[in-house]
């Protein structure tokens, strides 16, 4: 015959589950904040790259025409929701 766990072990298990739940919620909150921070940094970096590409284009910097077209073209794709997942081979 199997012995049934007593009320003390059930309370201990429930307490342990509550602690694990609390820890996981804390991790989820931190991860969510980390994600928002990274998203903000990404958007700032993207805006900076777009601004610099516009300045290079304004000064007709021929040496950087491929880079300018890539950045500005990627901006158009991003706005249309069709952003490329990777950079063109020549920029890797």
PDB file of N, CA and C in Angstrom:
ATOM      1  N   UNK A   1       0.830  -1.174   0.000  1.00  0.00           N
ATOM      2  CA  UNK A   1       0.000   0.000   0.000  1.00  0.00           C
ATOM      3  C   UNK A   1       0.878   1.243   0.000  1.00  0.00           C
ATOM      4  N   UNK A   2       0.478   2.199  -0.806  1.00  0.00           N
ATOM      5  CA  UNK A   2       1.222   3.451  -0.886  1.00  0.00           C
ATOM      6  C   UNK A   2       0.742   4.395   0.203  1.00  0.00           C
ATOM      7  N   UNK A   3       1.692   5.047   0.798  1.00  0.00           N
ATOM      8  CA  UNK A   3       1.354   6.003   1.842  1.00  0.00           C
ATOM      9  C   UNK A   3       0.996   7.334   1.195  1.00  0.00           C
ATOM     10  N   UNK A   4      -0.046   7.968   1.681  1.00  0.00           N
ATOM     11  CA  UNK A   4      -0.434   9.278   1.168  1.00  0.00           C
ATOM     12  C   UNK A   4       0.415  10.342   1.836  1.00  0.00           C
ATOM     13  N   UNK A   5       0.842  11.314   1.060  1.00  0.00           N
ATOM     14  CA  UNK A   5       1.629  12.381   1.666  1.00  0.00           C
ATOM     15  C   UNK A   5       0.778  13.140   2.685  1.00  0.00           C
ATOM     16  N   UNK A   6       1.403  13.532   3.736  1.00  0.00           N
ATOM     17  CA  UNK A   6       0.702  14.242   4.798  1.00  0.00           C
ATOM     18  C   UNK A   6       0.484  15.695   4.433  1.00  0.00           C
ATOM     19  N   UNK A   7      -0.288  16.392   5.235  1.00  0.00           N
ATOM     20  CA  UNK A   7      -0.577  17.801   4.963  1.00  0.00           C
ATOM     21  C   UNK A   7       0.684  18.661   4.958  1.00  0.00           C
ATOM     22  N   UNK A   8       1.703  18.273   5.717  1.00  0.00           N
ATOM     23  CA  UNK A   8       2.924  19.069   5.758  1.00  0.00           C
ATOM     24  C   UNK A   8       3.655  19.024   4.422  1.00  0.00           C
ATOM     25  N   UNK A   9       3.703  17.835   3.803  1.00  0.00           N
ATOM     26  CA  UNK A   9       4.405  17.745   2.522  1.00  0.00           C
ATOM     27  C   UNK A   9       3.616  18.438   1.414  1.00  0.00           C
ATOM     28  N   UNK A  10       2.299  18.400   1.466  1.00  0.00           N
ATOM     29  CA  UNK A  10       1.484  19.103   0.475  1.00  0.00           C
ATOM     30  C   UNK A  10       1.672  20.612   0.613  1.00  0.00           C
ATOM     31  N   UNK A  11       1.722  21.093   1.838  1.00  0.00           N
ATOM     32  CA  UNK A  11       1.937  22.519   2.075  1.00  0.00           C
ATOM     33  C   UNK A  11       3.326  22.928   1.588  1.00  0.00           C
ATOM     34  N   UNK A  12       4.308  22.061   1.820  1.00  0.00           N
ATOM     35  CA  UNK A  12       5.669  22.341   1.358  1.00  0.00           C
ATOM     36  C   UNK A  12       5.750  22.393  -0.154  1.00  0.00           C
ATOM     37  N   UNK A  13       5.040  21.472  -0.807  1.00  0.00           N
ATOM     38  CA  UNK A  13       5.031  21.447  -2.273  1.00  0.00           C
ATOM     39  C   UNK A  13       4.345  22.698  -2.821  1.00  0.00           C
ATOM     40  N   UNK A  14       3.246  23.098  -2.199  1.00  0.00           N
ATOM     41  CA  UNK A  14       2.540  24.292  -2.648  1.00  0.00           C
ATOM     42  C   UNK A  14       3.396  25.533  -2.445  1.00  0.00           C
ATOM     43  N   UNK A  15       4.070  25.592  -1.321  1.00  0.00           N
ATOM     44  CA  UNK A  15       4.962  26.716  -1.041  1.00  0.00           C
ATOM     45  C   UNK A  15       6.095  26.759  -2.050  1.00  0.00           C
ATOM     46  N   UNK A  16       6.637  25.603  -2.392  1.00  0.00           N
ATOM     47  CA  UNK A  16       7.714  25.521  -3.373  1.00  0.00           C
ATOM     48  C   UNK A  16       7.218  25.968  -4.750  1.00  0.00           C
ATOM     49  N   UNK A  17       6.032  25.538  -5.135  1.00  0.00           N
ATOM     50  CA  UNK A  17       5.464  25.948  -6.413  1.00  0.00           C
ATOM     51  C   UNK A  17       5.219  27.450  -6.450  1.00  0.00           C
ATOM     52  N   UNK A  18       4.763  28.016  -5.365  1.00  0.00           N
ATOM     53  CA  UNK A  18       4.536  29.450  -5.303  1.00  0.00           C
ATOM     54  C   UNK A  18       5.854  30.211  -5.451  1.00  0.00           C
ATOM     55  N   UNK A  19       6.908  29.697  -4.832  1.00  0.00           N
ATOM     56  CA  UNK A  19       8.220  30.336  -4.943  1.00  0.00           C
ATOM     57  C   UNK A  19       8.747  30.264  -6.380  1.00  0.00           C
ATOM     58  N   UNK A  20       8.597  29.104  -7.013  1.00  0.00           N
ATOM     59  CA  UNK A  20       9.023  28.948  -8.406  1.00  0.00           C
ATOM     60  C   UNK A  20       8.215  29.899  -9.292  1.00  0.00           C
ATOM     61  N   UNK A  21       6.924  29.972  -9.055  1.00  0.00           N
ATOM     62  CA  UNK A  21       6.054  30.866  -9.816  1.00  0.00           C
ATOM     63  C   UNK A  21       6.504  32.317  -9.646  1.00  0.00           C
ATOM     64  N   UNK A  22       6.813  32.719  -8.434  1.00  0.00           N
ATOM     65  CA  UNK A  22       7.269  34.077  -8.157  1.00  0.00           C
ATOM     66  C   UNK A  22       8.574  34.370  -8.894  1.00  0.00           C
ATOM     67  N   UNK A  23       9.503  33.411  -8.850  1.00  0.00           N
ATOM     68  CA  UNK A  23      10.787  33.587  -9.534  1.00  0.00           C
ATOM     69  C   UNK A  23      10.604  33.706 -11.050  1.00  0.00           C
ATOM     70  N   UNK A  24       9.735  32.871 -11.601  1.00  0.00           N
ATOM     71  CA  UNK A  24       9.500  32.911 -13.045  1.00  0.00           C
ATOM     72  C   UNK A  24       8.828  34.221 -13.463  1.00  0.00           C
ATOM     73  N   UNK A  25       7.910  34.714 -12.667  1.00  0.00           N
ATOM     74  CA  UNK A  25       7.273  36.000 -12.976  1.00  0.00           C
ATOM     75  C   UNK A  25       8.299  37.131 -12.921  1.00  0.00           C
ATOM     76  N   UNK A  26       9.195  37.050 -11.949  1.00  0.00           N
ATOM     77  CA  UNK A  26      10.246  38.059 -11.838  1.00  0.00           C
ATOM     78  C   UNK A  26      11.164  38.019 -13.060  1.00  0.00           C
ATOM     79  N   UNK A  27      11.543  36.810 -13.477  1.00  0.00           N
ATOM     80  CA  UNK A  27      12.380  36.657 -14.673  1.00  0.00           C
ATOM     81  C   UNK A  27      11.662  37.177 -15.905  1.00  0.00           C
ATOM     82  N   UNK A  28      10.373  36.890 -16.018  1.00  0.00           N
ATOM     83  CA  UNK A  28       9.594  37.344 -17.167  1.00  0.00           C
ATOM     84  C   UNK A  28       9.539  38.870 -17.207  1.00  0.00           C
ATOM     85  N   UNK A  29       9.343  39.494 -16.064  1.00  0.00           N
ATOM     86  CA  UNK A  29       9.305  40.947 -16.005  1.00  0.00           C
ATOM     87  C   UNK A  29      10.645  41.551 -16.422  1.00  0.00           C
ATOM     88  N   UNK A  30      11.747  40.975 -15.922  1.00  0.00           N
ATOM     89  CA  UNK A  30      13.083  41.470 -16.270  1.00  0.00           C
ATOM     90  C   UNK A  30      13.362  41.265 -17.756  1.00  0.00           C
ATOM     91  N   UNK A  31      12.998  40.108 -18.273  1.00  0.00           N
ATOM     92  CA  UNK A  31      13.214  39.812 -19.685  1.00  0.00           C
ATOM     93  C   UNK A  31      12.397  40.757 -20.561  1.00  0.00           C
ATOM     94  N   UNK A  32      11.177  41.046 -20.151  1.00  0.00           N
ATOM     95  CA  UNK A  32      10.338  41.985 -20.893  1.00  0.00           C
ATOM     96  C   UNK A  32      10.970  43.369 -20.930  1.00  0.00           C
ATOM     97  N   UNK A  33      11.517  43.808 -19.796  1.00  0.00           N
ATOM     98  CA  UNK A  33      12.171  45.113 -19.746  1.00  0.00           C
ATOM     99  C   UNK A  33      13.439  45.110 -20.595  1.00  0.00           C
ATOM    100  N   UNK A  34      14.208  44.015 -20.533  1.00  0.00           N
ATOM    101  CA  UNK A  34      15.410  43.893 -21.372  1.00  0.00           C
ATOM    102  C   UNK A  34      15.039  43.982 -22.854  1.00  0.00           C
ATOM    103  N   UNK A  35      13.939  43.328 -23.231  1.00  0.00           N
ATOM    104  CA  UNK A  35      13.484  43.368 -24.617  1.00  0.00           C
ATOM    105  C   UNK A  35      13.145  44.794 -25.038  1.00  0.00           C
ATOM    106  N   UNK A  36      12.422  45.514 -24.190  1.00  0.00           N
ATOM    107  CA  UNK A  36      12.070  46.898 -24.512  1.00  0.00           C
ATOM    108  C   UNK A  36      13.311  47.773 -24.636  1.00  0.00           C
ATOM    109  N   UNK A  37      14.293  47.553 -23.758  1.00  0.00           N
ATOM    110  CA  UNK A  37      15.546  48.316 -23.832  1.00  0.00           C
ATOM    111  C   UNK A  37      16.284  48.048 -25.144  1.00  0.00           C
ATOM    112  N   UNK A  38      16.366  46.768 -25.521  1.00  0.00           N
ATOM    113  CA  UNK A  38      17.040  46.412 -26.778  1.00  0.00           C
ATOM    114  C   UNK A  38      16.289  46.960 -27.992  1.00  0.00           C
ATOM    115  N   UNK A  39      14.971  46.917 -27.934  1.00  0.00           N
ATOM    116  CA  UNK A  39      14.169  47.445 -29.038  1.00  0.00           C
ATOM    117  C   UNK A  39      14.413  48.943 -29.195  1.00  0.00           C
ATOM    118  N   UNK A  40      14.488  49.658 -28.072  1.00  0.00           N
ATOM    119  CA  UNK A  40      14.755  51.089 -28.124  1.00  0.00           C
ATOM    120  C   UNK A  40      16.138  51.367 -28.719  1.00  0.00           C
ATOM    121  N   UNK A  41      17.141  50.600 -28.280  1.00  0.00           N
ATOM    122  CA  UNK A  41      18.498  50.780 -28.818  1.00  0.00           C
ATOM    123  C   UNK A  41      18.531  50.472 -30.308  1.00  0.00           C
ATOM    124  N   UNK A  42      17.814  49.434 -30.718  1.00  0.00           N
ATOM    125  CA  UNK A  42      17.751  49.075 -32.134  1.00  0.00           C
ATOM    126  C   UNK A  42      17.147  50.212 -32.945  1.00  0.00           C
ATOM    127  N   UNK A  43      16.034  50.773 -32.471  1.00  0.00           N
ATOM    128  CA  UNK A  43      15.372  51.854 -33.200  1.00  0.00           C
ATOM    129  C   UNK A  43      16.259  53.092 -33.290  1.00  0.00           C
ATOM    130  N   UNK A  44      16.997  53.386 -32.220  1.00  0.00           N
ATOM    131  CA  UNK A  44      17.924  54.526 -32.252  1.00  0.00           C
ATOM    132  C   UNK A  44      19.033  54.259 -33.262  1.00  0.00           C
ATOM    133  N   UNK A  45      19.573  53.048 -33.262  1.00  0.00           N
ATOM    134  CA  UNK A  45      20.634  52.697 -34.212  1.00  0.00           C
ATOM    135  C   UNK A  45      20.137  52.770 -35.646  1.00  0.00           C
ATOM    136  N   UNK A  46      18.934  52.279 -35.868  1.00  0.00           N
ATOM    137  CA  UNK A  46      18.360  52.303 -37.210  1.00  0.00           C
ATOM    138  C   UNK A  46      18.143  53.743 -37.677  1.00  0.00           C
ATOM    139  N   UNK A  47      17.635  54.587 -36.791  1.00  0.00           N
ATOM    140  CA  UNK A  47      17.419  55.996 -37.141  1.00  0.00           C
ATOM    141  C   UNK A  47      18.739  56.686 -37.437  1.00  0.00           C
ATOM    142  N   UNK A  48      19.773  56.352 -36.670  1.00  0.00           N
ATOM    143  CA  UNK A  48      21.097  56.940 -36.889  1.00  0.00           C
ATOM    144  C   UNK A  48      21.641  56.524 -38.254  1.00  0.00           C
ATOM    145  N   UNK A  49      21.541  55.247 -38.569  1.00  0.00           N
ATOM    146  CA  UNK A  49      22.030  54.749 -39.862  1.00  0.00           C
ATOM    147  C   UNK A  49      21.267  55.417 -41.008  1.00  0.00           C
ATOM    148  N   UNK A  50      19.973  55.556 -40.851  1.00  0.00           N
ATOM    149  CA  UNK A  50      19.160  56.191 -41.891  1.00  0.00           C
ATOM    150  C   UNK A  50      19.559  57.655 -42.064  1.00  0.00           C
ATOM    151  N   UNK A  51      19.763  58.351 -40.957  1.00  0.00           N
ATOM    152  CA  UNK A  51      20.167  59.760 -41.001  1.00  0.00           C
ATOM    153  C   UNK A  51      21.529  59.922 -41.671  1.00  0.00           C
ATOM    154  N   UNK A  52      22.470  59.067 -41.298  1.00  0.00           N
ATOM    155  CA  UNK A  52      23.810  59.132 -41.895  1.00  0.00           C
ATOM    156  C   UNK A  52      23.762  58.819 -43.386  1.00  0.00           C
ATOM    157  N   UNK A  53      22.944  57.847 -43.771  1.00  0.00           N
ATOM    158  CA  UNK A  53      22.818  57.509 -45.192  1.00  0.00           C
ATOM    159  C   UNK A  53      22.231  58.690 -45.962  1.00  0.00           C
ATOM    160  N   UNK A  54      21.265  59.360 -45.365  1.00  0.00           N
ATOM    161  CA  UNK A  54      20.694  60.551 -46.019  1.00  0.00           C
ATOM    162  C   UNK A  54      21.741  61.648 -46.183  1.00  0.00           C
ATOM    163  N   UNK A  55      22.585  61.826 -45.156  1.00  0.00           N
ATOM    164  CA  UNK A  55      23.639  62.837 -45.257  1.00  0.00           C
ATOM    165  C   UNK A  55      24.650  62.471 -46.330  1.00  0.00           C
ATOM    166  N   UNK A  56      25.021  61.201 -46.393  1.00  0.00           N
ATOM    167  CA  UNK A  56      25.953  60.766 -47.440  1.00  0.00           C
ATOM    168  C   UNK A  56      25.336  60.980 -48.813  1.00  0.00           C
ATOM    169  N   UNK A  57      24.066  60.697 -48.937  1.00  0.00           N
ATOM    170  CA  UNK A  57      23.380  60.881 -50.209  1.00  0.00           C
ATOM    171  C   UNK A  57      23.330  62.366 -50.573  1.00  0.00           C
ATOM    172  N   UNK A  58      23.094  63.199 -49.581  1.00  0.00           N
ATOM    173  CA  UNK A  58      23.020  64.651 -49.787  1.00  0.00           C
ATOM    174  C   UNK A  58      24.343  65.185 -50.354  1.00  0.00           C
ATOM    175  N   UNK A  59      25.452  64.639 -49.858  1.00  0.00           N
ATOM    176  CA  UNK A  59      26.763  65.095 -50.314  1.00  0.00           C
ATOM    177  C   UNK A  59      27.284  64.268 -51.485  1.00  0.00           C
ATOM    178  N   UNK A  60      26.427  63.440 -52.032  1.00  0.00           N
ATOM    179  CA  UNK A  60      26.747  62.633 -53.216  1.00  0.00           C
ATOM    180  C   UNK A  60      28.064  61.886 -53.067  1.00  0.00           C
ATOM    181  N   UNK A  61      28.161  61.179 -51.989  1.00  0.00           N
ATOM    182  CA  UNK A  61      29.358  60.384 -51.687  1.00  0.00           C
ATOM    183  C   UNK A  61      29.309  59.100 -52.522  1.00  0.00           C
ATOM    184  N   UNK A  62      29.961  59.103 -53.661  1.00  0.00           N
ATOM    185  CA  UNK A  62      29.925  57.981 -54.599  1.00  0.00           C
ATOM    186  C   UNK A  62      30.553  56.704 -54.025  1.00  0.00           C
ATOM    187  N   UNK A  63      31.561  56.860 -53.173  1.00  0.00           N
ATOM    188  CA  UNK A  63      32.228  55.694 -52.598  1.00  0.00           C
ATOM    189  C   UNK A  63      31.263  54.857 -51.762  1.00  0.00           C
ATOM    190  N   UNK A  64      30.258  55.482 -51.217  1.00  0.00           N
ATOM    191  CA  UNK A  64      29.340  54.793 -50.323  1.00  0.00           C
ATOM    192  C   UNK A  64      27.966  54.563 -50.938  1.00  0.00           C
ATOM    193  N   UNK A  65      27.857  54.651 -52.243  1.00  0.00           N
ATOM    194  CA  UNK A  65      26.540  54.559 -52.883  1.00  0.00           C
ATOM    195  C   UNK A  65      25.862  53.216 -52.617  1.00  0.00           C
ATOM    196  N   UNK A  66      26.627  52.126 -52.612  1.00  0.00           N
ATOM    197  CA  UNK A  66      26.027  50.818 -52.329  1.00  0.00           C
ATOM    198  C   UNK A  66      25.472  50.758 -50.906  1.00  0.00           C
ATOM    199  N   UNK A  67      26.234  51.293 -49.973  1.00  0.00           N
ATOM    200  CA  UNK A  67      25.797  51.319 -48.580  1.00  0.00           C
ATOM    201  C   UNK A  67      24.567  52.208 -48.419  1.00  0.00           C
ATOM    202  N   UNK A  68      24.583  53.367 -49.058  1.00  0.00           N
ATOM    203  CA  UNK A  68      23.443  54.292 -48.993  1.00  0.00           C
ATOM    204  C   UNK A  68      22.186  53.611 -49.529  1.00  0.00           C
ATOM    205  N   UNK A  69      22.305  52.999 -50.690  1.00  0.00           N
ATOM    206  CA  UNK A  69      21.152  52.324 -51.294  1.00  0.00           C
ATOM    207  C   UNK A  69      20.666  51.179 -50.414  1.00  0.00           C
ATOM    208  N   UNK A  70      21.585  50.479 -49.792  1.00  0.00           N
ATOM    209  CA  UNK A  70      21.205  49.379 -48.915  1.00  0.00           C
ATOM    210  C   UNK A  70      20.422  49.885 -47.712  1.00  0.00           C
ATOM    211  N   UNK A  71      20.942  50.913 -47.050  1.00  0.00           N
ATOM    212  CA  UNK A  71      20.283  51.443 -45.849  1.00  0.00           C
ATOM    213  C   UNK A  71      18.942  52.067 -46.207  1.00  0.00           C
ATOM    214  N   UNK A  72      18.927  52.901 -47.238  1.00  0.00           N
ATOM    215  CA  UNK A  72      17.680  53.554 -47.611  1.00  0.00           C
ATOM    216  C   UNK A  72      16.679  52.557 -48.190  1.00  0.00           C
ATOM    217  N   UNK A  73      17.166  51.584 -48.924  1.00  0.00           N
ATOM    218  CA  UNK A  73      16.284  50.537 -49.450  1.00  0.00           C
ATOM    219  C   UNK A  73      15.715  49.680 -48.344  1.00  0.00           C
ATOM    220  N   UNK A  74      16.533  49.393 -47.334  1.00  0.00           N
ATOM    221  CA  UNK A  74      16.075  48.610 -46.191  1.00  0.00           C
ATOM    222  C   UNK A  74      15.009  49.385 -45.425  1.00  0.00           C
ATOM    223  N   UNK A  75      15.146  50.697 -45.347  1.00  0.00           N
ATOM    224  CA  UNK A  75      14.156  51.537 -44.670  1.00  0.00           C
ATOM    225  C   UNK A  75      12.810  51.424 -45.385  1.00  0.00           C
ATOM    226  N   UNK A  76      12.817  51.439 -46.704  1.00  0.00           N
ATOM    227  CA  UNK A  76      11.586  51.316 -47.466  1.00  0.00           C
ATOM    228  C   UNK A  76      10.960  49.944 -47.218  1.00  0.00           C
ATOM    229  N   UNK A  77      11.774  48.890 -47.242  1.00  0.00           N
ATOM    230  CA  UNK A  77      11.262  47.547 -46.984  1.00  0.00           C
ATOM    231  C   UNK A  77      10.683  47.447 -45.581  1.00  0.00           C
ATOM    232  N   UNK A  78      11.346  48.069 -44.615  1.00  0.00           N
ATOM    233  CA  UNK A  78      10.884  48.032 -43.227  1.00  0.00           C
ATOM    234  C   UNK A  78       9.517  48.710 -43.127  1.00  0.00           C
ATOM    235  N   UNK A  79       9.356  49.835 -43.773  1.00  0.00           N
ATOM    236  CA  UNK A  79       8.091  50.562 -43.718  1.00  0.00           C
ATOM    237  C   UNK A  79       6.974  49.777 -44.383  1.00  0.00           C
ATOM    238  N   UNK A  80       7.303  48.991 -45.399  1.00  0.00           N
ATOM    239  CA  UNK A  80       6.299  48.179 -46.084  1.00  0.00           C
ATOM    240  C   UNK A  80       6.065  46.850 -45.366  1.00  0.00           C
ATOM    241  N   UNK A  81       6.824  46.580 -44.307  1.00  0.00           N
ATOM    242  CA  UNK A  81       6.667  45.327 -43.578  1.00  0.00           C
ATOM    243  C   UNK A  81       7.342  44.147 -44.238  1.00  0.00           C
ATOM    244  N   UNK A  82       8.264  44.420 -45.145  1.00  0.00           N
ATOM    245  CA  UNK A  82       8.946  43.353 -45.875  1.00  0.00           C
ATOM    246  C   UNK A  82      10.444  43.417 -45.647  1.00  0.00           C
ATOM    247  N   UNK A  83      10.843  43.755 -44.461  1.00  0.00           N
ATOM    248  CA  UNK A  83      12.263  43.944 -44.177  1.00  0.00           C
ATOM    249  C   UNK A  83      13.051  42.654 -44.393  1.00  0.00           C
ATOM    250  N   UNK A  84      14.185  42.793 -45.018  1.00  0.00           N
ATOM    251  CA  UNK A  84      15.064  41.641 -45.237  1.00  0.00           C
ATOM    252  C   UNK A  84      15.642  41.198 -43.901  1.00  0.00           C
ATOM    253  N   UNK A  85      15.758  39.896 -43.709  1.00  0.00           N
ATOM    254  CA  UNK A  85      16.290  39.375 -42.459  1.00  0.00           C
ATOM    255  C   UNK A  85      17.789  39.552 -42.338  1.00  0.00           C
ATOM    256  N   UNK A  86      18.468  39.599 -43.457  1.00  0.00           N
ATOM    257  CA  UNK A  86      19.924  39.703 -43.415  1.00  0.00           C
ATOM    258  C   UNK A  86      20.396  40.808 -44.337  1.00  0.00           C
ATOM    259  N   UNK A  87      21.586  41.260 -44.082  1.00  0.00           N
ATOM    260  CA  UNK A  87      22.199  42.245 -44.957  1.00  0.00           C
ATOM    261  C   UNK A  87      22.641  41.573 -46.253  1.00  0.00           C
ATOM    262  N   UNK A  88      22.751  42.356 -47.309  1.00  0.00           N
ATOM    263  CA  UNK A  88      23.295  41.781 -48.536  1.00  0.00           C
ATOM    264  C   UNK A  88      24.685  41.200 -48.277  1.00  0.00           C
ATOM    265  N   UNK A  89      25.034  40.248 -49.058  1.00  0.00           N
ATOM    266  CA  UNK A  89      26.294  39.525 -48.883  1.00  0.00           C
ATOM    267  C   UNK A  89      27.506  40.443 -48.792  1.00  0.00           C
ATOM    268  N   UNK A  90      27.533  41.526 -49.579  1.00  0.00           N
ATOM    269  CA  UNK A  90      28.706  42.397 -49.589  1.00  0.00           C
ATOM    270  C   UNK A  90      28.875  43.211 -48.310  1.00  0.00           C
ATOM    271  N   UNK A  91      27.853  43.273 -47.459  1.00  0.00           N
ATOM    272  CA  UNK A  91      27.949  44.056 -46.228  1.00  0.00           C
ATOM    273  C   UNK A  91      28.149  43.190 -44.991  1.00  0.00           C
ATOM    274  N   UNK A  92      28.273  41.900 -45.156  1.00  0.00           N
ATOM    275  CA  UNK A  92      28.460  41.015 -43.992  1.00  0.00           C
ATOM    276  C   UNK A  92      29.875  41.025 -43.527  1.00  0.00           C
TER     277      UNK A  92
END
